[in-house]
Amino acid sequence: MVPMIPDEVIDLVNQTRAAGGSIAFTNGVFDLVHPGHVRYLRKAAAEGDLLIVGLNGDTSVRSIKGLGRPVVPAAERAEVLEALASVDAVVIFEEPTPEELIAQLQPDVLVKGADWMADQIVGRATVEARGGRVVRVEIEQG
């Protein structure tokens, strides 16, 4: 299944690139957003001119975390993330990983938490193949 990227996100990406800017991408569940998430997203935003967050949809979260999750539905999690000054756009995806979303967006910078081993970061090969970089940032538990 290929994630649907809203036209306004594609427009943002194209405008940013046309202006010589860089696209940063990160992803996660972001269920029950806490200050550690906010700080992580600020760090991610500092890596590019535009930050796009790939948000695991409800089906994706259940497949990863089991029944009873997410606590907060995807539309509400997206609304909270979009309200943060550091986040420029949110794209919900239902696949287990953001691999296809990363392939479509072709970000210049892929940001993940330092708890991820560098060789296990999904999308790393895609980003590095086009000259982009992967940044691992420290995370704070919430």
N, C-alpha and C. Protein backbone atom coordinates (compact mmCIF):
# COMPACT_ATOMS: atom_id res chain seq x y z
N MET A 1 0.85 -1.18 0.00
CA MET A 1 0.00 0.00 0.00
C MET A 1 0.89 1.25 0.00
N VAL A 2 0.59 2.17 -0.85
CA VAL A 2 1.37 3.41 -0.95
C VAL A 2 0.64 4.51 -0.18
N PRO A 3 1.35 5.18 0.75
CA PRO A 3 0.70 6.24 1.52
C PRO A 3 0.25 7.39 0.63
N MET A 4 -0.88 7.96 0.97
CA MET A 4 -1.38 9.14 0.25
C MET A 4 -0.80 10.39 0.90
N ILE A 5 -0.07 11.16 0.13
CA ILE A 5 0.50 12.40 0.65
C ILE A 5 -0.41 13.53 0.20
N PRO A 6 -0.95 14.30 1.15
CA PRO A 6 -1.83 15.40 0.76
C PRO A 6 -1.13 16.39 -0.17
N ASP A 7 -1.90 16.95 -1.11
CA ASP A 7 -1.35 17.91 -2.07
C ASP A 7 -0.66 19.08 -1.38
N GLU A 8 -1.21 19.55 -0.26
CA GLU A 8 -0.59 20.69 0.42
C GLU A 8 0.80 20.35 0.96
N VAL A 9 1.03 19.09 1.32
CA VAL A 9 2.36 18.68 1.78
C VAL A 9 3.31 18.63 0.58
N ILE A 10 2.86 18.10 -0.52
CA ILE A 10 3.68 18.07 -1.74
C ILE A 10 4.04 19.50 -2.16
N ASP A 11 3.06 20.40 -2.08
CA ASP A 11 3.32 21.81 -2.41
C ASP A 11 4.36 22.41 -1.48
N LEU A 12 4.26 22.13 -0.17
CA LEU A 12 5.24 22.64 0.80
C LEU A 12 6.64 22.15 0.47
N VAL A 13 6.75 20.86 0.15
CA VAL A 13 8.05 20.28 -0.20
C VAL A 13 8.60 20.97 -1.45
N ASN A 14 7.78 21.11 -2.47
CA ASN A 14 8.24 21.73 -3.72
C ASN A 14 8.64 23.19 -3.51
N GLN A 15 7.87 23.94 -2.74
CA GLN A 15 8.19 25.34 -2.47
C GLN A 15 9.50 25.46 -1.68
N THR A 16 9.68 24.58 -0.70
CA THR A 16 10.90 24.62 0.11
C THR A 16 12.11 24.30 -0.75
N ARG A 17 12.00 23.28 -1.57
CA ARG A 17 13.13 22.91 -2.45
C ARG A 17 13.41 24.01 -3.46
N ALA A 18 12.37 24.62 -4.03
CA ALA A 18 12.54 25.69 -5.01
C ALA A 18 13.26 26.89 -4.41
N ALA A 19 13.07 27.09 -3.11
CA ALA A 19 13.72 28.20 -2.41
C ALA A 19 15.11 27.81 -1.90
N GLY A 20 15.56 26.59 -2.23
CA GLY A 20 16.88 26.14 -1.81
C GLY A 20 16.91 25.55 -0.42
N GLY A 21 15.75 25.29 0.15
CA GLY A 21 15.67 24.74 1.50
C GLY A 21 15.78 23.23 1.54
N SER A 22 15.94 22.72 2.73
CA SER A 22 16.06 21.27 2.92
C SER A 22 14.86 20.73 3.68
N ILE A 23 14.56 19.47 3.41
CA ILE A 23 13.42 18.78 4.00
C ILE A 23 13.94 17.80 5.05
N ALA A 24 13.44 17.95 6.27
CA ALA A 24 13.74 16.99 7.34
C ALA A 24 12.50 16.13 7.56
N PHE A 25 12.72 14.88 7.89
CA PHE A 25 11.62 13.94 8.12
C PHE A 25 11.91 13.13 9.37
N THR A 26 10.88 12.92 10.17
CA THR A 26 10.95 11.97 11.26
C THR A 26 9.61 11.28 11.33
N ASN A 27 9.54 10.25 12.12
CA ASN A 27 8.28 9.52 12.23
C ASN A 27 8.13 8.90 13.61
N GLY A 28 6.91 8.53 13.92
CA GLY A 28 6.65 7.88 15.18
C GLY A 28 5.17 7.74 15.45
N VAL A 29 4.86 7.16 16.61
CA VAL A 29 3.49 6.95 17.04
C VAL A 29 2.94 8.21 17.71
N PHE A 30 3.74 8.83 18.58
CA PHE A 30 3.37 10.06 19.28
C PHE A 30 2.00 9.94 19.95
N ASP A 31 1.81 8.83 20.65
CA ASP A 31 0.58 8.60 21.41
C ASP A 31 0.80 9.20 22.79
N LEU A 32 -0.10 10.04 23.23
CA LEU A 32 0.06 10.78 24.49
C LEU A 32 1.34 11.62 24.44
N VAL A 33 1.31 12.65 23.62
CA VAL A 33 2.47 13.53 23.42
C VAL A 33 2.89 14.14 24.75
N HIS A 34 4.19 14.08 25.03
CA HIS A 34 4.74 14.59 26.28
C HIS A 34 5.92 15.53 25.98
N PRO A 35 6.47 16.22 26.99
CA PRO A 35 7.56 17.17 26.75
C PRO A 35 8.77 16.56 26.04
N GLY A 36 9.06 15.29 26.28
CA GLY A 36 10.17 14.65 25.57
C GLY A 36 9.93 14.61 24.07
N HIS A 37 8.69 14.35 23.67
CA HIS A 37 8.35 14.39 22.24
C HIS A 37 8.55 15.79 21.68
N VAL A 38 8.08 16.80 22.42
CA VAL A 38 8.19 18.19 21.96
C VAL A 38 9.65 18.57 21.75
N ARG A 39 10.50 18.21 22.70
CA ARG A 39 11.94 18.53 22.59
C ARG A 39 12.58 17.78 21.42
N TYR A 40 12.20 16.53 21.25
CA TYR A 40 12.71 15.73 20.13
C TYR A 40 12.33 16.39 18.79
N LEU A 41 11.09 16.82 18.67
CA LEU A 41 10.63 17.44 17.42
C LEU A 41 11.32 18.78 17.17
N ARG A 42 11.63 19.51 18.23
CA ARG A 42 12.40 20.76 18.05
C ARG A 42 13.78 20.46 17.48
N LYS A 43 14.42 19.42 18.02
CA LYS A 43 15.75 19.03 17.52
C LYS A 43 15.65 18.58 16.06
N ALA A 44 14.62 17.83 15.75
CA ALA A 44 14.43 17.36 14.37
C ALA A 44 14.23 18.54 13.43
N ALA A 45 13.44 19.52 13.86
CA ALA A 45 13.16 20.70 13.03
C ALA A 45 14.42 21.51 12.76
N ALA A 46 15.35 21.50 13.71
CA ALA A 46 16.59 22.26 13.55
C ALA A 46 17.49 21.67 12.47
N GLU A 47 17.20 20.47 12.02
CA GLU A 47 18.03 19.79 11.01
C GLU A 47 17.65 20.15 9.57
N GLY A 48 16.55 20.87 9.39
CA GLY A 48 16.12 21.24 8.04
C GLY A 48 15.29 22.50 8.05
N ASP A 49 14.87 22.93 6.89
CA ASP A 49 14.03 24.12 6.77
C ASP A 49 12.55 23.79 6.88
N LEU A 50 12.21 22.54 6.64
CA LEU A 50 10.83 22.08 6.71
C LEU A 50 10.84 20.73 7.41
N LEU A 51 10.00 20.56 8.43
CA LEU A 51 9.91 19.28 9.12
C LEU A 51 8.58 18.62 8.82
N ILE A 52 8.67 17.42 8.25
CA ILE A 52 7.50 16.59 8.01
C ILE A 52 7.56 15.42 8.98
N VAL A 53 6.45 15.18 9.67
CA VAL A 53 6.36 14.07 10.60
C VAL A 53 5.47 12.99 9.99
N GLY A 54 6.02 11.80 9.85
CA GLY A 54 5.23 10.64 9.46
C GLY A 54 4.62 10.05 10.72
N LEU A 55 3.31 9.98 10.77
CA LEU A 55 2.60 9.53 11.97
C LEU A 55 1.96 8.18 11.71
N ASN A 56 2.33 7.19 12.52
CA ASN A 56 1.71 5.88 12.39
C ASN A 56 0.21 6.01 12.64
N GLY A 57 -0.59 5.56 11.67
CA GLY A 57 -2.04 5.55 11.83
C GLY A 57 -2.47 4.49 12.82
N ASP A 58 -3.75 4.47 13.12
CA ASP A 58 -4.27 3.56 14.15
C ASP A 58 -4.02 2.09 13.83
N THR A 59 -4.22 1.69 12.58
CA THR A 59 -3.98 0.30 12.19
C THR A 59 -2.51 -0.05 12.34
N SER A 60 -1.64 0.85 11.92
CA SER A 60 -0.20 0.66 12.05
C SER A 60 0.20 0.52 13.52
N VAL A 61 -0.34 1.39 14.37
CA VAL A 61 0.00 1.35 15.80
C VAL A 61 -0.44 0.02 16.41
N ARG A 62 -1.65 -0.43 16.10
CA ARG A 62 -2.13 -1.70 16.65
C ARG A 62 -1.24 -2.86 16.21
N SER A 63 -0.76 -2.82 14.96
CA SER A 63 0.09 -3.91 14.48
C SER A 63 1.45 -3.92 15.18
N ILE A 64 1.89 -2.76 15.63
CA ILE A 64 3.19 -2.64 16.30
C ILE A 64 3.07 -2.84 17.81
N LYS A 65 2.07 -2.19 18.42
CA LYS A 65 1.98 -2.12 19.87
C LYS A 65 0.88 -2.99 20.48
N GLY A 66 0.02 -3.56 19.64
CA GLY A 66 -1.01 -4.46 20.14
C GLY A 66 -2.35 -3.78 20.38
N LEU A 67 -3.33 -4.61 20.74
CA LEU A 67 -4.67 -4.11 21.01
C LEU A 67 -4.64 -3.13 22.17
N GLY A 68 -5.56 -2.19 22.17
CA GLY A 68 -5.59 -1.18 23.22
C GLY A 68 -4.78 0.05 22.88
N ARG A 69 -4.06 0.00 21.80
CA ARG A 69 -3.30 1.15 21.34
C ARG A 69 -3.77 1.49 19.94
N PRO A 70 -3.72 2.71 19.54
CA PRO A 70 -3.28 3.85 20.33
C PRO A 70 -4.35 4.28 21.34
N VAL A 71 -3.92 5.05 22.31
CA VAL A 71 -4.85 5.63 23.27
C VAL A 71 -5.60 6.78 22.60
N VAL A 72 -4.87 7.57 21.83
CA VAL A 72 -5.43 8.73 21.13
C VAL A 72 -5.50 8.41 19.64
N PRO A 73 -6.66 8.62 19.00
CA PRO A 73 -6.79 8.33 17.56
C PRO A 73 -5.83 9.18 16.71
N ALA A 74 -5.49 8.65 15.54
CA ALA A 74 -4.51 9.29 14.66
C ALA A 74 -4.87 10.73 14.32
N ALA A 75 -6.12 11.00 14.02
CA ALA A 75 -6.51 12.37 13.64
C ALA A 75 -6.23 13.35 14.77
N GLU A 76 -6.46 12.93 16.01
CA GLU A 76 -6.20 13.81 17.15
C GLU A 76 -4.71 13.94 17.43
N ARG A 77 -3.96 12.84 17.26
CA ARG A 77 -2.50 12.93 17.43
C ARG A 77 -1.92 13.87 16.39
N ALA A 78 -2.42 13.78 15.15
CA ALA A 78 -1.95 14.67 14.08
C ALA A 78 -2.27 16.12 14.41
N GLU A 79 -3.46 16.37 14.94
CA GLU A 79 -3.85 17.74 15.28
C GLU A 79 -2.93 18.33 16.34
N VAL A 80 -2.58 17.53 17.35
CA VAL A 80 -1.66 18.00 18.39
C VAL A 80 -0.29 18.30 17.80
N LEU A 81 0.23 17.40 16.98
CA LEU A 81 1.55 17.60 16.37
C LEU A 81 1.56 18.83 15.47
N GLU A 82 0.51 19.01 14.68
CA GLU A 82 0.45 20.16 13.77
C GLU A 82 0.37 21.48 14.51
N ALA A 83 -0.04 21.45 15.77
CA ALA A 83 -0.12 22.68 16.57
C ALA A 83 1.25 23.11 17.09
N LEU A 84 2.25 22.23 17.02
CA LEU A 84 3.59 22.56 17.49
C LEU A 84 4.31 23.43 16.46
N ALA A 85 4.97 24.47 16.93
CA ALA A 85 5.67 25.39 16.04
C ALA A 85 6.77 24.69 15.24
N SER A 86 7.34 23.63 15.79
CA SER A 86 8.45 22.95 15.12
C SER A 86 8.00 22.05 13.97
N VAL A 87 6.72 21.70 13.91
CA VAL A 87 6.21 20.76 12.91
C VAL A 87 5.52 21.52 11.79
N ASP A 88 5.96 21.29 10.56
CA ASP A 88 5.36 21.96 9.40
C ASP A 88 4.24 21.16 8.77
N ALA A 89 4.33 19.84 8.82
CA ALA A 89 3.29 18.99 8.22
C ALA A 89 3.33 17.61 8.85
N VAL A 90 2.17 16.97 8.88
CA VAL A 90 2.04 15.61 9.38
C VAL A 90 1.37 14.77 8.29
N VAL A 91 1.94 13.59 8.04
CA VAL A 91 1.35 12.66 7.09
C VAL A 91 1.12 11.34 7.83
N ILE A 92 -0.13 10.90 7.86
CA ILE A 92 -0.48 9.64 8.52
C ILE A 92 -0.25 8.49 7.54
N PHE A 93 0.40 7.43 8.03
CA PHE A 93 0.60 6.24 7.21
C PHE A 93 0.16 5.00 7.99
N GLU A 94 -0.37 4.02 7.29
CA GLU A 94 -0.89 2.81 7.94
C GLU A 94 0.04 1.61 7.81
N GLU A 95 1.09 1.74 7.04
CA GLU A 95 2.04 0.65 6.87
C GLU A 95 2.82 0.47 8.18
N PRO A 96 3.44 -0.70 8.39
CA PRO A 96 4.23 -0.92 9.60
C PRO A 96 5.44 0.02 9.71
N THR A 97 6.00 0.42 8.55
CA THR A 97 7.14 1.33 8.56
C THR A 97 6.89 2.48 7.58
N PRO A 98 7.67 3.56 7.70
CA PRO A 98 7.51 4.69 6.79
C PRO A 98 8.33 4.58 5.51
N GLU A 99 8.80 3.39 5.18
CA GLU A 99 9.69 3.20 4.02
C GLU A 99 9.12 3.82 2.74
N GLU A 100 7.88 3.52 2.41
CA GLU A 100 7.26 4.05 1.19
C GLU A 100 7.08 5.56 1.24
N LEU A 101 6.73 6.06 2.41
CA LEU A 101 6.55 7.50 2.59
C LEU A 101 7.87 8.23 2.38
N ILE A 102 8.94 7.69 2.93
CA ILE A 102 10.27 8.28 2.76
C ILE A 102 10.67 8.23 1.28
N ALA A 103 10.39 7.12 0.62
CA ALA A 103 10.71 7.00 -0.81
C ALA A 103 9.97 8.04 -1.64
N GLN A 104 8.73 8.34 -1.27
CA GLN A 104 7.95 9.34 -2.00
C GLN A 104 8.43 10.76 -1.71
N LEU A 105 8.70 11.06 -0.44
CA LEU A 105 9.06 12.43 -0.05
C LEU A 105 10.51 12.78 -0.37
N GLN A 106 11.40 11.78 -0.36
CA GLN A 106 12.82 12.00 -0.62
C GLN A 106 13.40 13.11 0.26
N PRO A 107 13.30 12.97 1.59
CA PRO A 107 13.84 14.03 2.46
C PRO A 107 15.36 14.14 2.35
N ASP A 108 15.85 15.32 2.68
CA ASP A 108 17.30 15.56 2.70
C ASP A 108 17.91 15.06 3.99
N VAL A 109 17.11 15.08 5.05
CA VAL A 109 17.58 14.66 6.37
C VAL A 109 16.53 13.74 6.98
N LEU A 110 16.98 12.60 7.46
CA LEU A 110 16.11 11.66 8.17
C LEU A 110 16.54 11.69 9.63
N VAL A 111 15.61 12.03 10.50
CA VAL A 111 15.93 12.17 11.93
C VAL A 111 15.25 11.05 12.71
N LYS A 112 16.03 10.38 13.56
CA LYS A 112 15.50 9.34 14.44
C LYS A 112 16.14 9.50 15.81
N GLY A 113 15.52 8.88 16.79
CA GLY A 113 16.06 8.91 18.14
C GLY A 113 17.33 8.09 18.22
N ALA A 114 18.21 8.49 19.13
CA ALA A 114 19.49 7.81 19.29
C ALA A 114 19.32 6.39 19.83
N ASP A 115 18.11 6.04 20.24
CA ASP A 115 17.85 4.68 20.70
C ASP A 115 17.80 3.69 19.52
N TRP A 116 17.75 4.20 18.31
CA TRP A 116 17.76 3.36 17.11
C TRP A 116 19.21 3.11 16.69
N MET A 117 19.55 1.86 16.41
CA MET A 117 20.85 1.55 15.85
C MET A 117 20.88 2.11 14.43
N ALA A 118 21.99 2.73 14.06
CA ALA A 118 22.08 3.40 12.76
C ALA A 118 21.73 2.48 11.60
N ASP A 119 22.16 1.22 11.67
CA ASP A 119 21.92 0.31 10.55
C ASP A 119 20.49 -0.24 10.53
N GLN A 120 19.68 0.10 11.52
CA GLN A 120 18.29 -0.37 11.57
C GLN A 120 17.28 0.74 11.29
N ILE A 121 17.76 1.91 10.93
CA ILE A 121 16.86 3.04 10.67
C ILE A 121 16.22 2.86 9.30
N VAL A 122 14.91 2.72 9.30
CA VAL A 122 14.14 2.53 8.07
C VAL A 122 14.24 3.79 7.22
N GLY A 123 14.57 3.61 5.96
CA GLY A 123 14.68 4.73 5.03
C GLY A 123 16.09 5.27 4.89
N ARG A 124 16.99 4.80 5.70
CA ARG A 124 18.37 5.29 5.67
C ARG A 124 18.98 5.16 4.27
N ALA A 125 18.88 3.98 3.68
CA ALA A 125 19.49 3.75 2.36
C ALA A 125 18.89 4.68 1.31
N THR A 126 17.60 4.90 1.37
CA THR A 126 16.92 5.80 0.42
C THR A 126 17.46 7.21 0.52
N VAL A 127 17.58 7.71 1.74
CA VAL A 127 18.04 9.09 1.97
C VAL A 127 19.51 9.24 1.59
N GLU A 128 20.33 8.30 2.03
CA GLU A 128 21.76 8.40 1.75
C GLU A 128 22.06 8.21 0.26
N ALA A 129 21.25 7.42 -0.44
CA ALA A 129 21.47 7.18 -1.88
C ALA A 129 21.34 8.46 -2.69
N ARG A 130 20.58 9.41 -2.21
CA ARG A 130 20.43 10.67 -2.96
C ARG A 130 21.26 11.79 -2.33
N GLY A 131 22.22 11.42 -1.47
CA GLY A 131 23.12 12.40 -0.89
C GLY A 131 22.63 13.03 0.40
N GLY A 132 21.54 12.52 0.93
CA GLY A 132 21.01 13.04 2.20
C GLY A 132 21.76 12.45 3.38
N ARG A 133 21.32 12.85 4.56
CA ARG A 133 21.99 12.36 5.76
C ARG A 133 20.98 11.88 6.80
N VAL A 134 21.46 11.03 7.67
CA VAL A 134 20.66 10.51 8.78
C VAL A 134 21.24 11.08 10.06
N VAL A 135 20.36 11.63 10.89
CA VAL A 135 20.78 12.23 12.16
C VAL A 135 20.06 11.50 13.29
N ARG A 136 20.83 11.05 14.27
CA ARG A 136 20.26 10.43 15.47
C ARG A 136 20.36 11.44 16.60
N VAL A 137 19.22 11.76 17.21
CA VAL A 137 19.22 12.74 18.30
C VAL A 137 18.81 12.07 19.61
N GLU A 138 19.34 12.61 20.69
CA GLU A 138 19.00 12.09 22.02
C GLU A 138 17.51 12.29 22.26
N ILE A 139 16.92 11.32 22.93
CA ILE A 139 15.51 11.44 23.27
C ILE A 139 15.36 11.43 24.79
N GLU A 140 14.26 12.01 25.24
CA GLU A 140 13.94 12.02 26.66
C GLU A 140 12.66 11.23 26.86
N GLN A 141 12.67 10.36 27.84
CA GLN A 141 11.47 9.60 28.14
C GLN A 141 10.43 10.50 28.78
N GLY A 142 9.17 10.21 28.53
CA GLY A 142 8.10 11.05 29.07
C GLY A 142 7.34 10.36 30.15
